[in-house]
């Protein structure tokens, strides 16, 4: 009889920093950001206790590009993915290890705009309604360069100022 296993993570929390979008040398997008979850309880004396957990979130390909466009520090999101532990040797020669959540689904749960501080406003209405749906079906952003008949080379995207990296070179 074959044994079964499951590696599934579901989190709802707030971003602790703005997402970082990078590209591998092959042109694959990778986006990383921090997520915090909170829990509170009453101890045996009746005092309220609080605890915060922090997670490193990684998204790849199209989802990475969408995360970098829609997410910002403080935004509340639902993410779904798997745990992954990676090891590498640091510049100082020491072995390093990190565990991160590699996501395959993300849903924005609030409607704040990036510059809002206190008041929460509904997002601008668009043709597609995305409430409660995964956002992988969003359109590609329009090109900033308007040069006709020029094919875009994903491995050398000149309009993106993000650094090109290999997944093995990412020390987080």
Protein backbone atom coordinates (compact mmCIF):
# COMPACT_ATOMS: atom_id res chain seq x y z
CA UNK A 1 0.00 0.00 0.00
CA UNK A 2 1.41 3.38 -1.01
CA UNK A 3 1.63 6.02 1.67
CA UNK A 4 0.14 9.44 1.06
CA UNK A 5 1.38 12.78 2.27
CA UNK A 6 0.25 16.38 2.14
CA UNK A 7 2.16 19.66 2.17
CA UNK A 8 -0.47 22.44 2.15
CA UNK A 9 -0.39 25.87 3.78
CA UNK A 10 -3.34 28.30 3.99
CA UNK A 11 -2.68 31.73 5.50
CA UNK A 12 -4.61 34.97 5.94
CA UNK A 13 -2.49 37.89 7.06
CA UNK A 14 -0.99 41.27 6.30
CA UNK A 15 2.09 42.03 4.21
CA UNK A 16 5.05 43.15 6.31
CA UNK A 17 6.87 44.73 3.36
CA UNK A 18 6.33 45.60 -0.29
CA UNK A 19 6.84 42.68 -2.70
CA UNK A 20 10.17 42.34 -4.53
CA UNK A 21 9.94 41.19 -8.16
CA UNK A 22 13.02 39.65 -9.81
CA UNK A 23 13.70 37.52 -12.86
CA UNK A 24 15.86 34.43 -13.26
CA UNK A 25 18.39 34.38 -16.13
CA UNK A 26 15.85 32.29 -18.06
CA UNK A 27 13.25 35.08 -17.68
CA UNK A 28 11.07 33.44 -15.02
CA UNK A 29 9.49 35.94 -12.63
CA UNK A 30 9.91 35.39 -8.87
CA UNK A 31 8.28 37.60 -6.25
CA UNK A 32 8.97 37.54 -2.51
CA UNK A 33 7.23 39.28 0.36
CA UNK A 34 6.70 38.92 4.08
CA UNK A 35 3.38 38.00 5.69
CA UNK A 36 2.35 38.24 9.35
CA UNK A 37 -0.48 36.41 11.09
CA UNK A 38 -1.83 37.32 14.54
CA UNK A 39 -3.55 35.31 17.22
CA UNK A 40 -4.85 36.30 20.62
CA UNK A 41 -6.09 34.37 23.63
CA UNK A 42 -6.72 34.76 27.34
CA UNK A 43 -4.31 33.12 29.73
CA UNK A 44 -5.33 31.37 32.96
CA UNK A 45 -5.39 34.72 34.81
CA UNK A 46 -7.79 36.18 32.23
CA UNK A 47 -5.19 38.50 30.70
CA UNK A 48 -5.25 38.91 26.95
CA UNK A 49 -2.16 37.54 25.21
CA UNK A 50 -1.13 38.12 21.62
CA UNK A 51 1.33 36.39 19.31
CA UNK A 52 2.56 37.19 15.81
CA UNK A 53 4.06 34.73 13.31
CA UNK A 54 6.09 35.88 10.32
CA UNK A 55 6.40 34.01 7.01
CA UNK A 56 8.51 34.41 3.87
CA UNK A 57 6.24 34.04 0.82
CA UNK A 58 7.50 33.19 -2.69
CA UNK A 59 5.43 33.31 -5.91
CA UNK A 60 6.64 32.25 -9.36
CA UNK A 61 5.79 33.09 -12.99
CA UNK A 62 2.53 34.94 -13.72
CA UNK A 63 1.40 34.89 -10.08
CA UNK A 64 4.68 36.62 -9.15
CA UNK A 65 3.99 39.46 -11.57
CA UNK A 66 0.41 39.82 -10.30
CA UNK A 67 1.58 39.92 -6.67
CA UNK A 68 4.09 42.66 -7.47
CA UNK A 69 1.37 44.74 -9.14
CA UNK A 70 -1.45 44.36 -6.60
CA UNK A 71 0.23 43.93 -3.23
CA UNK A 72 1.85 46.42 -0.89
CA UNK A 73 2.86 46.65 2.77
CA UNK A 74 -0.14 46.35 5.10
CA UNK A 75 -2.48 44.74 2.55
CA UNK A 76 -4.56 41.80 3.80
CA UNK A 77 -4.31 38.66 1.64
CA UNK A 78 -5.15 34.98 1.53
CA UNK A 79 -2.34 32.77 0.23
CA UNK A 80 -2.29 29.07 -0.48
CA UNK A 81 0.75 26.96 -1.19
CA UNK A 82 3.33 24.57 0.25
CA UNK A 83 6.27 24.67 2.64
CA UNK A 84 9.72 24.42 1.13
CA UNK A 85 13.06 24.33 2.94
CA UNK A 86 16.18 25.35 1.03
CA UNK A 87 19.86 25.17 1.91
CA UNK A 88 22.78 27.13 0.48
CA UNK A 89 26.27 28.22 1.36
CA UNK A 90 26.58 31.88 2.36
CA UNK A 91 29.29 34.25 1.19
CA UNK A 92 31.08 33.61 4.48
CA UNK A 93 31.20 29.86 3.75
CA UNK A 94 28.57 28.99 6.38
CA UNK A 95 25.69 26.65 5.53
CA UNK A 96 22.36 28.48 5.61
CA UNK A 97 18.79 27.18 5.64
CA UNK A 98 15.36 28.77 5.32
CA UNK A 99 11.78 27.57 5.19
CA UNK A 100 9.37 29.53 3.00
CA UNK A 101 5.82 29.24 1.69
CA UNK A 102 5.77 28.78 -2.10
CA UNK A 103 2.29 29.92 -3.14
CA UNK A 104 0.15 28.86 -6.08
CA UNK A 105 -2.93 30.95 -5.20
CA UNK A 106 -3.49 34.43 -3.78
CA UNK A 107 -6.61 36.50 -3.09
CA UNK A 108 -6.58 40.16 -2.04
CA UNK A 109 -8.97 40.55 0.92
CA UNK A 110 -9.09 44.32 1.37
CA UNK A 111 -9.95 47.17 -0.95
CA UNK A 112 -7.44 49.80 0.16
CA UNK A 113 -5.36 51.74 -2.28
CA UNK A 114 -1.61 52.00 -1.72
CA UNK A 115 -1.63 55.63 -0.55
CA UNK A 116 -4.56 55.32 1.86
CA UNK A 117 -3.68 55.54 5.52
CA UNK A 118 -6.80 55.34 7.66
CA UNK A 119 -9.95 55.40 5.56
CA UNK A 120 -10.75 52.23 3.59
CA UNK A 121 -12.39 52.90 0.22
CA UNK A 122 -13.76 50.42 -2.32
CA UNK A 123 -11.47 49.71 -5.25
CA UNK A 124 -12.19 51.30 -8.62
CA UNK A 125 -14.71 49.22 -10.56
CA UNK A 126 -13.35 47.34 -13.54
CA UNK A 127 -14.82 45.18 -16.28
CA UNK A 128 -13.85 41.97 -14.48
CA UNK A 129 -15.10 41.40 -10.99
CA UNK A 130 -12.51 39.64 -8.83
CA UNK A 131 -14.14 39.55 -5.40
CA UNK A 132 -13.43 36.22 -3.76
CA UNK A 133 -11.83 34.76 -6.89
CA UNK A 134 -8.18 33.90 -7.43
CA UNK A 135 -6.47 36.65 -9.38
CA UNK A 136 -4.45 34.56 -11.81
CA UNK A 137 -6.78 35.57 -14.66
CA UNK A 138 -5.80 39.28 -14.68
CA UNK A 139 -4.51 40.85 -17.91
CA UNK A 140 -0.84 41.57 -18.61
CA UNK A 141 0.15 45.21 -18.00
CA UNK A 142 0.52 47.28 -21.13
CA UNK A 143 4.02 47.89 -22.44
CA UNK A 144 5.48 51.27 -21.63
CA UNK A 145 7.49 51.36 -24.85
CA UNK A 146 5.31 51.93 -27.89
CA UNK A 147 7.69 50.73 -30.58
CA UNK A 148 5.70 48.79 -33.20
CA UNK A 149 6.62 45.33 -34.52
CA UNK A 150 9.19 44.71 -31.78
CA UNK A 151 9.01 41.31 -30.10
CA UNK A 152 9.55 41.28 -26.35
CA UNK A 153 12.40 39.08 -25.18
CA UNK A 154 11.51 37.83 -21.70
CA UNK A 155 15.09 36.97 -20.84
CA UNK A 156 16.22 40.55 -21.44
CA UNK A 157 13.25 42.68 -20.44
CA UNK A 158 14.78 46.15 -20.69
CA UNK A 159 11.78 47.99 -19.25
CA UNK A 160 11.98 46.07 -15.95
CA UNK A 161 14.60 47.47 -13.64
CA UNK A 162 14.52 44.34 -11.43
CA UNK A 163 17.68 42.36 -11.02
CA UNK A 164 17.94 39.01 -12.83
CA UNK A 165 18.66 36.13 -10.46
CA UNK A 166 18.68 32.38 -10.40
CA UNK A 167 16.38 30.58 -7.89
CA UNK A 168 19.53 28.98 -6.44
CA UNK A 169 21.10 32.42 -5.82
CA UNK A 170 18.24 33.71 -3.67
CA UNK A 171 19.46 33.48 -0.05
CA UNK A 172 16.08 33.97 1.61
